[in-house]
Amino acid sequence: MSILTWLKEFFVTTAMQESKEKITDKAENVIVDIKSTVTEGIEEVKDIAEETTTEIKQRARDKLGRFLADNPNTDSNEAYKDK
């Protein structure tokens, strides 16, 4: 192997290694940014969900499993169970 071939391989290999390291660093930074953005988005969605969540009412049933109707003459709503 001639000295010129060796120098060429040395510098090409060194340049390629530096490029790989730069690319790896940039990729890691992008991954960290994406993770933080996704985490912030998840937290925002959780906050919105907590604000808009309402209590889910469950329909009242009789002994045979049929839905009970509401009696309009009373103040309470008999068609739904109290939790």
PDB file of N, CA and C in Angstrom:
ATOM      1  N   MET A   1       0.859  -1.165   0.000  1.00  0.00           N
ATOM      2  CA  MET A   1       0.000   0.000   0.000  1.00  0.00           C
ATOM      3  C   MET A   1       0.904   1.225   0.000  1.00  0.00           C
ATOM      4  N   SER A   2       0.597   2.103  -0.867  1.00  0.00           N
ATOM      5  CA  SER A   2       1.416   3.301  -0.946  1.00  0.00           C
ATOM      6  C   SER A   2       0.999   4.297   0.123  1.00  0.00           C
ATOM      7  N   ILE A   3       1.865   5.211   0.389  1.00  0.00           N
ATOM      8  CA  ILE A   3       1.609   6.228   1.416  1.00  0.00           C
ATOM      9  C   ILE A   3       0.423   7.088   1.033  1.00  0.00           C
ATOM     10  N   LEU A   4       0.262   7.368  -0.241  1.00  0.00           N
ATOM     11  CA  LEU A   4      -0.878   8.190  -0.690  1.00  0.00           C
ATOM     12  C   LEU A   4      -2.205   7.472  -0.467  1.00  0.00           C
ATOM     13  N   THR A   5      -2.247   6.192  -0.747  1.00  0.00           N
ATOM     14  CA  THR A   5      -3.462   5.416  -0.517  1.00  0.00           C
ATOM     15  C   THR A   5      -3.791   5.376   0.971  1.00  0.00           C
ATOM     16  N   TRP A   6      -2.767   5.201   1.773  1.00  0.00           N
ATOM     17  CA  TRP A   6      -2.970   5.169   3.219  1.00  0.00           C
ATOM     18  C   TRP A   6      -3.493   6.510   3.730  1.00  0.00           C
ATOM     19  N   LEU A   7      -2.909   7.609   3.275  1.00  0.00           N
ATOM     20  CA  LEU A   7      -3.362   8.947   3.681  1.00  0.00           C
ATOM     21  C   LEU A   7      -4.806   9.187   3.237  1.00  0.00           C
ATOM     22  N   LYS A   8      -5.113   8.772   2.012  1.00  0.00           N
ATOM     23  CA  LYS A   8      -6.475   8.935   1.501  1.00  0.00           C
ATOM     24  C   LYS A   8      -7.464   8.179   2.380  1.00  0.00           C
ATOM     25  N   GLU A   9      -7.188   6.939   2.681  1.00  0.00           N
ATOM     26  CA  GLU A   9      -8.077   6.134   3.524  1.00  0.00           C
ATOM     27  C   GLU A   9      -8.182   6.720   4.928  1.00  0.00           C
ATOM     28  N   PHE A  10      -7.056   7.213   5.455  1.00  0.00           N
ATOM     29  CA  PHE A  10      -7.055   7.786   6.798  1.00  0.00           C
ATOM     30  C   PHE A  10      -7.972   9.002   6.871  1.00  0.00           C
ATOM     31  N   PHE A  11      -7.810   9.926   5.917  1.00  0.00           N
ATOM     32  CA  PHE A  11      -8.602  11.149   5.963  1.00  0.00           C
ATOM     33  C   PHE A  11     -10.065  10.897   5.615  1.00  0.00           C
ATOM     34  N   VAL A  12     -10.322  10.005   4.684  1.00  0.00           N
ATOM     35  CA  VAL A  12     -11.708   9.682   4.333  1.00  0.00           C
ATOM     36  C   VAL A  12     -12.385   9.011   5.518  1.00  0.00           C
ATOM     37  N   THR A  13     -11.687   8.076   6.156  1.00  0.00           N
ATOM     38  CA  THR A  13     -12.246   7.385   7.306  1.00  0.00           C
ATOM     39  C   THR A  13     -12.481   8.358   8.456  1.00  0.00           C
ATOM     40  N   THR A  14     -11.541   9.253   8.698  1.00  0.00           N
ATOM     41  CA  THR A  14     -11.680  10.250   9.769  1.00  0.00           C
ATOM     42  C   THR A  14     -12.846  11.185   9.472  1.00  0.00           C
ATOM     43  N   ALA A  15     -12.948  11.640   8.237  1.00  0.00           N
ATOM     44  CA  ALA A  15     -14.041  12.535   7.856  1.00  0.00           C
ATOM     45  C   ALA A  15     -15.378  11.827   7.973  1.00  0.00           C
ATOM     46  N   MET A  16     -15.423  10.565   7.566  1.00  0.00           N
ATOM     47  CA  MET A  16     -16.673   9.808   7.675  1.00  0.00           C
ATOM     48  C   MET A  16     -17.056   9.616   9.125  1.00  0.00           C
ATOM     49  N   GLN A  17     -16.086   9.341   9.984  1.00  0.00           N
ATOM     50  CA  GLN A  17     -16.364   9.145  11.409  1.00  0.00           C
ATOM     51  C   GLN A  17     -16.896  10.427  12.024  1.00  0.00           C
ATOM     52  N   GLU A  18     -16.291  11.573  11.686  1.00  0.00           N
ATOM     53  CA  GLU A  18     -16.768  12.864  12.195  1.00  0.00           C
ATOM     54  C   GLU A  18     -18.177  13.146  11.702  1.00  0.00           C
ATOM     55  N   SER A  19     -18.455  12.827  10.440  1.00  0.00           N
ATOM     56  CA  SER A  19     -19.798  13.035   9.888  1.00  0.00           C
ATOM     57  C   SER A  19     -20.815  12.163  10.606  1.00  0.00           C
ATOM     58  N   LYS A  20     -20.442  10.920  10.857  1.00  0.00           N
ATOM     59  CA  LYS A  20     -21.354  10.022  11.567  1.00  0.00           C
ATOM     60  C   LYS A  20     -21.641  10.547  12.971  1.00  0.00           C
ATOM     61  N   GLU A  21     -20.617  11.052  13.641  1.00  0.00           N
ATOM     62  CA  GLU A  21     -20.810  11.587  14.994  1.00  0.00           C
ATOM     63  C   GLU A  21     -21.717  12.811  14.969  1.00  0.00           C
ATOM     64  N   LYS A  22     -21.513  13.700  13.985  1.00  0.00           N
ATOM     65  CA  LYS A  22     -22.361  14.893  13.876  1.00  0.00           C
ATOM     66  C   LYS A  22     -23.812  14.495  13.602  1.00  0.00           C
ATOM     67  N   ILE A  23     -23.984  13.552  12.690  1.00  0.00           N
ATOM     68  CA  ILE A  23     -25.335  13.092  12.354  1.00  0.00           C
ATOM     69  C   ILE A  23     -25.985  12.445  13.571  1.00  0.00           C
ATOM     70  N   THR A  24     -25.229  11.636  14.302  1.00  0.00           N
ATOM     71  CA  THR A  24     -25.757  10.991  15.495  1.00  0.00           C
ATOM     72  C   THR A  24     -26.163  12.025  16.541  1.00  0.00           C
ATOM     73  N   ASP A  25     -25.317  13.036  16.746  1.00  0.00           N
ATOM     74  CA  ASP A  25     -25.642  14.091  17.710  1.00  0.00           C
ATOM     75  C   ASP A  25     -26.908  14.840  17.309  1.00  0.00           C
ATOM     76  N   LYS A  26     -27.015  15.179  16.031  1.00  0.00           N
ATOM     77  CA  LYS A  26     -28.208  15.889  15.565  1.00  0.00           C
ATOM     78  C   LYS A  26     -29.448  15.024  15.726  1.00  0.00           C
ATOM     79  N   ALA A  27     -29.329  13.743  15.398  1.00  0.00           N
ATOM     80  CA  ALA A  27     -30.470  12.829  15.526  1.00  0.00           C
ATOM     81  C   ALA A  27     -30.902  12.701  16.986  1.00  0.00           C
ATOM     82  N   GLU A  28     -29.934  12.607  17.888  1.00  0.00           N
ATOM     83  CA  GLU A  28     -30.278  12.520  19.312  1.00  0.00           C
ATOM     84  C   GLU A  28     -30.965  13.790  19.792  1.00  0.00           C
ATOM     85  N   ASN A  29     -30.503  14.942  19.326  1.00  0.00           N
ATOM     86  CA  ASN A  29     -31.139  16.213  19.704  1.00  0.00           C
ATOM     87  C   ASN A  29     -32.565  16.286  19.173  1.00  0.00           C
ATOM     88  N   VAL A  30     -32.765  15.826  17.952  1.00  0.00           N
ATOM     89  CA  VAL A  30     -34.111  15.829  17.369  1.00  0.00           C
ATOM     90  C   VAL A  30     -35.031  14.900  18.156  1.00  0.00           C
ATOM     91  N   ILE A  31     -34.518  13.742  18.551  1.00  0.00           N
ATOM     92  CA  ILE A  31     -35.323  12.789  19.324  1.00  0.00           C
ATOM     93  C   ILE A  31     -35.719  13.396  20.661  1.00  0.00           C
ATOM     94  N   VAL A  32     -34.790  14.078  21.320  1.00  0.00           N
ATOM     95  CA  VAL A  32     -35.097  14.729  22.603  1.00  0.00           C
ATOM     96  C   VAL A  32     -36.164  15.801  22.398  1.00  0.00           C
ATOM     97  N   ASP A  33     -36.049  16.593  21.340  1.00  0.00           N
ATOM     98  CA  ASP A  33     -37.050  17.625  21.050  1.00  0.00           C
ATOM     99  C   ASP A  33     -38.415  17.014  20.783  1.00  0.00           C
ATOM    100  N   ILE A  34     -38.452  15.944  20.033  1.00  0.00           N
ATOM    101  CA  ILE A  34     -39.725  15.287  19.718  1.00  0.00           C
ATOM    102  C   ILE A  34     -40.355  14.728  20.986  1.00  0.00           C
ATOM    103  N   LYS A  35     -39.544  14.088  21.823  1.00  0.00           N
ATOM    104  CA  LYS A  35     -40.078  13.534  23.067  1.00  0.00           C
ATOM    105  C   LYS A  35     -40.652  14.622  23.958  1.00  0.00           C
ATOM    106  N   SER A  36     -39.964  15.760  24.057  1.00  0.00           N
ATOM    107  CA  SER A  36     -40.477  16.836  24.906  1.00  0.00           C
ATOM    108  C   SER A  36     -41.756  17.433  24.325  1.00  0.00           C
ATOM    109  N   THR A  37     -41.814  17.556  23.005  1.00  0.00           N
ATOM    110  CA  THR A  37     -43.026  18.079  22.365  1.00  0.00           C
ATOM    111  C   THR A  37     -44.202  17.138  22.591  1.00  0.00           C
ATOM    112  N   VAL A  38     -43.971  15.848  22.431  1.00  0.00           N
ATOM    113  CA  VAL A  38     -45.039  14.869  22.634  1.00  0.00           C
ATOM    114  C   VAL A  38     -45.485  14.867  24.096  1.00  0.00           C
ATOM    115  N   THR A  39     -44.541  14.945  25.011  1.00  0.00           N
ATOM    116  CA  THR A  39     -44.875  14.968  26.429  1.00  0.00           C
ATOM    117  C   THR A  39     -45.712  16.191  26.768  1.00  0.00           C
ATOM    118  N   GLU A  40     -45.327  17.351  26.237  1.00  0.00           N
ATOM    119  CA  GLU A  40     -46.113  18.567  26.467  1.00  0.00           C
ATOM    120  C   GLU A  40     -47.517  18.415  25.897  1.00  0.00           C
ATOM    121  N   GLY A  41     -47.630  17.820  24.710  1.00  0.00           N
ATOM    122  CA  GLY A  41     -48.939  17.608  24.097  1.00  0.00           C
ATOM    123  C   GLY A  41     -49.801  16.675  24.920  1.00  0.00           C
ATOM    124  N   ILE A  42     -49.199  15.631  25.463  1.00  0.00           N
ATOM    125  CA  ILE A  42     -49.943  14.686  26.294  1.00  0.00           C
ATOM    126  C   ILE A  42     -50.444  15.383  27.554  1.00  0.00           C
ATOM    127  N   GLU A  43     -49.594  16.210  28.161  1.00  0.00           N
ATOM    128  CA  GLU A  43     -50.001  16.929  29.368  1.00  0.00           C
ATOM    129  C   GLU A  43     -51.153  17.888  29.064  1.00  0.00           C
ATOM    130  N   GLU A  44     -51.094  18.552  27.920  1.00  0.00           N
ATOM    131  CA  GLU A  44     -52.184  19.456  27.535  1.00  0.00           C
ATOM    132  C   GLU A  44     -53.489  18.684  27.347  1.00  0.00           C
ATOM    133  N   VAL A  45     -53.409  17.535  26.699  1.00  0.00           N
ATOM    134  CA  VAL A  45     -54.609  16.721  26.476  1.00  0.00           C
ATOM    135  C   VAL A  45     -55.172  16.238  27.801  1.00  0.00           C
ATOM    136  N   LYS A  46     -54.305  15.835  28.729  1.00  0.00           N
ATOM    137  CA  LYS A  46     -54.768  15.402  30.047  1.00  0.00           C
ATOM    138  C   LYS A  46     -55.470  16.539  30.777  1.00  0.00           C
ATOM    139  N   ASP A  47     -54.897  17.742  30.697  1.00  0.00           N
ATOM    140  CA  ASP A  47     -55.518  18.899  31.353  1.00  0.00           C
ATOM    141  C   ASP A  47     -56.892  19.188  30.764  1.00  0.00           C
ATOM    142  N   ILE A  48     -56.977  19.147  29.454  1.00  0.00           N
ATOM    143  CA  ILE A  48     -58.264  19.402  28.795  1.00  0.00           C
ATOM    144  C   ILE A  48     -59.268  18.316  29.160  1.00  0.00           C
ATOM    145  N   ALA A  49     -58.820  17.073  29.206  1.00  0.00           N
ATOM    146  CA  ALA A  49     -59.711  15.964  29.543  1.00  0.00           C
ATOM    147  C   ALA A  49     -60.227  16.097  30.973  1.00  0.00           C
ATOM    148  N   GLU A  50     -59.358  16.508  31.885  1.00  0.00           N
ATOM    149  CA  GLU A  50     -59.799  16.672  33.272  1.00  0.00           C
ATOM    150  C   GLU A  50     -60.818  17.795  33.400  1.00  0.00           C
ATOM    151  N   GLU A  51     -60.638  18.856  32.619  1.00  0.00           N
ATOM    152  CA  GLU A  51     -61.565  19.983  32.681  1.00  0.00           C
ATOM    153  C   GLU A  51     -62.927  19.642  32.093  1.00  0.00           C
ATOM    154  N   THR A  52     -62.928  18.812  31.045  1.00  0.00           N
ATOM    155  CA  THR A  52     -64.185  18.558  30.340  1.00  0.00           C
ATOM    156  C   THR A  52     -64.879  17.267  30.763  1.00  0.00           C
ATOM    157  N   THR A  53     -64.225  16.474  31.586  1.00  0.00           N
ATOM    158  CA  THR A  53     -64.828  15.211  31.999  1.00  0.00           C
ATOM    159  C   THR A  53     -66.012  15.484  32.913  1.00  0.00           C
ATOM    160  N   THR A  54     -67.102  14.869  32.586  1.00  0.00           N
ATOM    161  CA  THR A  54     -68.288  14.954  33.429  1.00  0.00           C
ATOM    162  C   THR A  54     -68.570  13.570  33.980  1.00  0.00           C
ATOM    163  N   GLU A  55     -69.313  13.548  35.026  1.00  0.00           N
ATOM    164  CA  GLU A  55     -69.642  12.257  35.623  1.00  0.00           C
ATOM    165  C   GLU A  55     -70.622  11.523  34.718  1.00  0.00           C
ATOM    166  N   ILE A  56     -70.323  10.285  34.442  1.00  0.00           N
ATOM    167  CA  ILE A  56     -71.185   9.474  33.586  1.00  0.00           C
ATOM    168  C   ILE A  56     -72.286   8.876  34.452  1.00  0.00           C
ATOM    169  N   LYS A  57     -73.501   9.128  34.039  1.00  0.00           N
ATOM    170  CA  LYS A  57     -74.640   8.610  34.799  1.00  0.00           C
ATOM    171  C   LYS A  57     -74.973   7.204  34.313  1.00  0.00           C
ATOM    172  N   GLN A  58     -75.434   6.385  35.246  1.00  0.00           N
ATOM    173  CA  GLN A  58     -75.815   5.025  34.896  1.00  0.00           C
ATOM    174  C   GLN A  58     -77.323   4.894  35.052  1.00  0.00           C
ATOM    175  N   ARG A  59     -77.943   4.291  34.049  1.00  0.00           N
ATOM    176  CA  ARG A  59     -79.392   4.144  34.086  1.00  0.00           C
ATOM    177  C   ARG A  59     -79.805   3.182  35.186  1.00  0.00           C
ATOM    178  N   ALA A  60     -80.898   3.529  35.862  1.00  0.00           N
ATOM    179  CA  ALA A  60     -81.449   2.669  36.902  1.00  0.00           C
ATOM    180  C   ALA A  60     -82.280   1.557  36.252  1.00  0.00           C
ATOM    181  N   ARG A  61     -82.253   0.398  36.879  1.00  0.00           N
ATOM    182  CA  ARG A  61     -82.996  -0.755  36.354  1.00  0.00           C
ATOM    183  C   ARG A  61     -83.816  -1.393  37.473  1.00  0.00           C
ATOM    184  N   ASP A  62     -84.868  -2.067  37.068  1.00  0.00           N
ATOM    185  CA  ASP A  62     -85.660  -2.805  38.057  1.00  0.00           C
ATOM    186  C   ASP A  62     -85.067  -4.200  38.246  1.00  0.00           C
ATOM    187  N   LYS A  63     -85.750  -5.059  39.018  1.00  0.00           N
ATOM    188  CA  LYS A  63     -85.231  -6.391  39.315  1.00  0.00           C
ATOM    189  C   LYS A  63     -85.093  -7.263  38.073  1.00  0.00           C
ATOM    190  N   LEU A  64     -85.868  -6.986  37.047  1.00  0.00           N
ATOM    191  CA  LEU A  64     -85.823  -7.775  35.815  1.00  0.00           C
ATOM    192  C   LEU A  64     -84.842  -7.204  34.786  1.00  0.00           C
ATOM    193  N   GLY A  65     -84.181  -6.112  35.130  1.00  0.00           N
ATOM    194  CA  GLY A  65     -83.192  -5.531  34.240  1.00  0.00           C
ATOM    195  C   GLY A  65     -83.737  -4.492  33.286  1.00  0.00           C
ATOM    196  N   ARG A  66     -84.999  -4.135  33.428  1.00  0.00           N
ATOM    197  CA  ARG A  66     -85.593  -3.130  32.555  1.00  0.00           C
ATOM    198  C   ARG A  66     -85.267  -1.734  33.077  1.00  0.00           C
ATOM    199  N   PHE A  67     -85.137  -0.778  32.149  1.00  0.00           N
ATOM    200  CA  PHE A  67     -84.880   0.600  32.547  1.00  0.00           C
ATOM    201  C   PHE A  67     -86.067   1.176  33.299  1.00  0.00           C
ATOM    202  N   LEU A  68     -85.764   1.953  34.324  1.00  0.00           N
ATOM    203  CA  LEU A  68     -86.809   2.661  35.050  1.00  0.00           C
ATOM    204  C   LEU A  68     -87.041   4.016  34.400  1.00  0.00           C
ATOM    205  N   ALA A  69     -88.284   4.438  34.415  1.00  0.00           N
ATOM    206  CA  ALA A  69     -88.618   5.745  33.846  1.00  0.00           C
ATOM    207  C   ALA A  69     -88.569   6.800  34.933  1.00  0.00           C
ATOM    208  N   ASP A  70     -88.413   8.037  34.514  1.00  0.00           N
ATOM    209  CA  ASP A  70     -88.418   9.162  35.438  1.00  0.00           C
ATOM    210  C   ASP A  70     -89.857   9.566  35.713  1.00  0.00           C
ATOM    211  N   ASN A  71     -90.137   9.839  36.973  1.00  0.00           N
ATOM    212  CA  ASN A  71     -91.441  10.344  37.352  1.00  0.00           C
ATOM    213  C   ASN A  71     -91.376  11.863  37.279  1.00  0.00           C
ATOM    214  N   PRO A  72     -92.092  12.467  36.335  1.00  0.00           N
ATOM    215  CA  PRO A  72     -92.004  13.928  36.178  1.00  0.00           C
ATOM    216  C   PRO A  72     -92.614  14.700  37.351  1.00  0.00           C
ATOM    217  N   ASN A  73     -93.376  14.030  38.219  1.00  0.00           N
ATOM    218  CA  ASN A  73     -94.008  14.709  39.354  1.00  0.00           C
ATOM    219  C   ASN A  73     -93.058  14.869  40.546  1.00  0.00           C
ATOM    220  N   THR A  74     -91.863  14.302  40.469  1.00  0.00           N
ATOM    221  CA  THR A  74     -90.899  14.416  41.569  1.00  0.00           C
ATOM    222  C   THR A  74     -89.714  15.270  41.137  1.00  0.00           C
ATOM    223  N   ASP A  75     -88.993  15.776  42.146  1.00  0.00           N
ATOM    224  CA  ASP A  75     -87.818  16.598  41.848  1.00  0.00           C
ATOM    225  C   ASP A  75     -86.615  15.761  41.421  1.00  0.00           C
ATOM    226  N   SER A  76     -86.486  14.559  41.964  1.00  0.00           N
ATOM    227  CA  SER A  76     -85.317  13.732  41.624  1.00  0.00           C
ATOM    228  C   SER A  76     -85.567  12.994  40.310  1.00  0.00           C
ATOM    229  N   ASN A  77     -84.481  12.555  39.698  1.00  0.00           N
ATOM    230  CA  ASN A  77     -84.566  11.827  38.442  1.00  0.00           C
ATOM    231  C   ASN A  77     -84.368  10.340  38.749  1.00  0.00           C
ATOM    232  N   GLU A  78     -85.461   9.602  38.752  1.00  0.00           N
ATOM    233  CA  GLU A  78     -85.418   8.177  39.106  1.00  0.00           C
ATOM    234  C   GLU A  78     -84.824   7.310  38.000  1.00  0.00           C
ATOM    235  N   ALA A  79     -84.668   7.853  36.794  1.00  0.00           N
ATOM    236  CA  ALA A  79     -84.190   7.074  35.660  1.00  0.00           C
ATOM    237  C   ALA A  79     -82.687   6.798  35.768  1.00  0.00           C
ATOM    238  N   TYR A  80     -82.009   7.544  36.634  1.00  0.00           N
ATOM    239  CA  TYR A  80     -80.560   7.364  36.788  1.00  0.00           C
ATOM    240  C   TYR A  80     -80.208   7.091  38.232  1.00  0.00           C
ATOM    241  N   LYS A  81     -79.167   6.255  38.422  1.00  0.00           N
ATOM    242  CA  LYS A  81     -78.710   5.921  39.761  1.00  0.00           C
ATOM    243  C   LYS A  81     -77.875   7.054  40.323  1.00  0.00           C
ATOM    244  N   ASP A  82     -77.925   7.186  41.642  1.00  0.00           N
ATOM    245  CA  ASP A  82     -77.023   8.102  42.309  1.00  0.00           C
ATOM    246  C   ASP A  82     -75.770   7.314  42.681  1.00  0.00           C
ATOM    247  N   LYS A  83     -74.616   7.899  42.417  1.00  0.00           N
ATOM    248  CA  LYS A  83     -73.373   7.173  42.705  1.00  0.00           C
ATOM    249  C   LYS A  83     -72.873   7.479  44.080  1.00  0.00           C
TER     250      LYS A  83
END
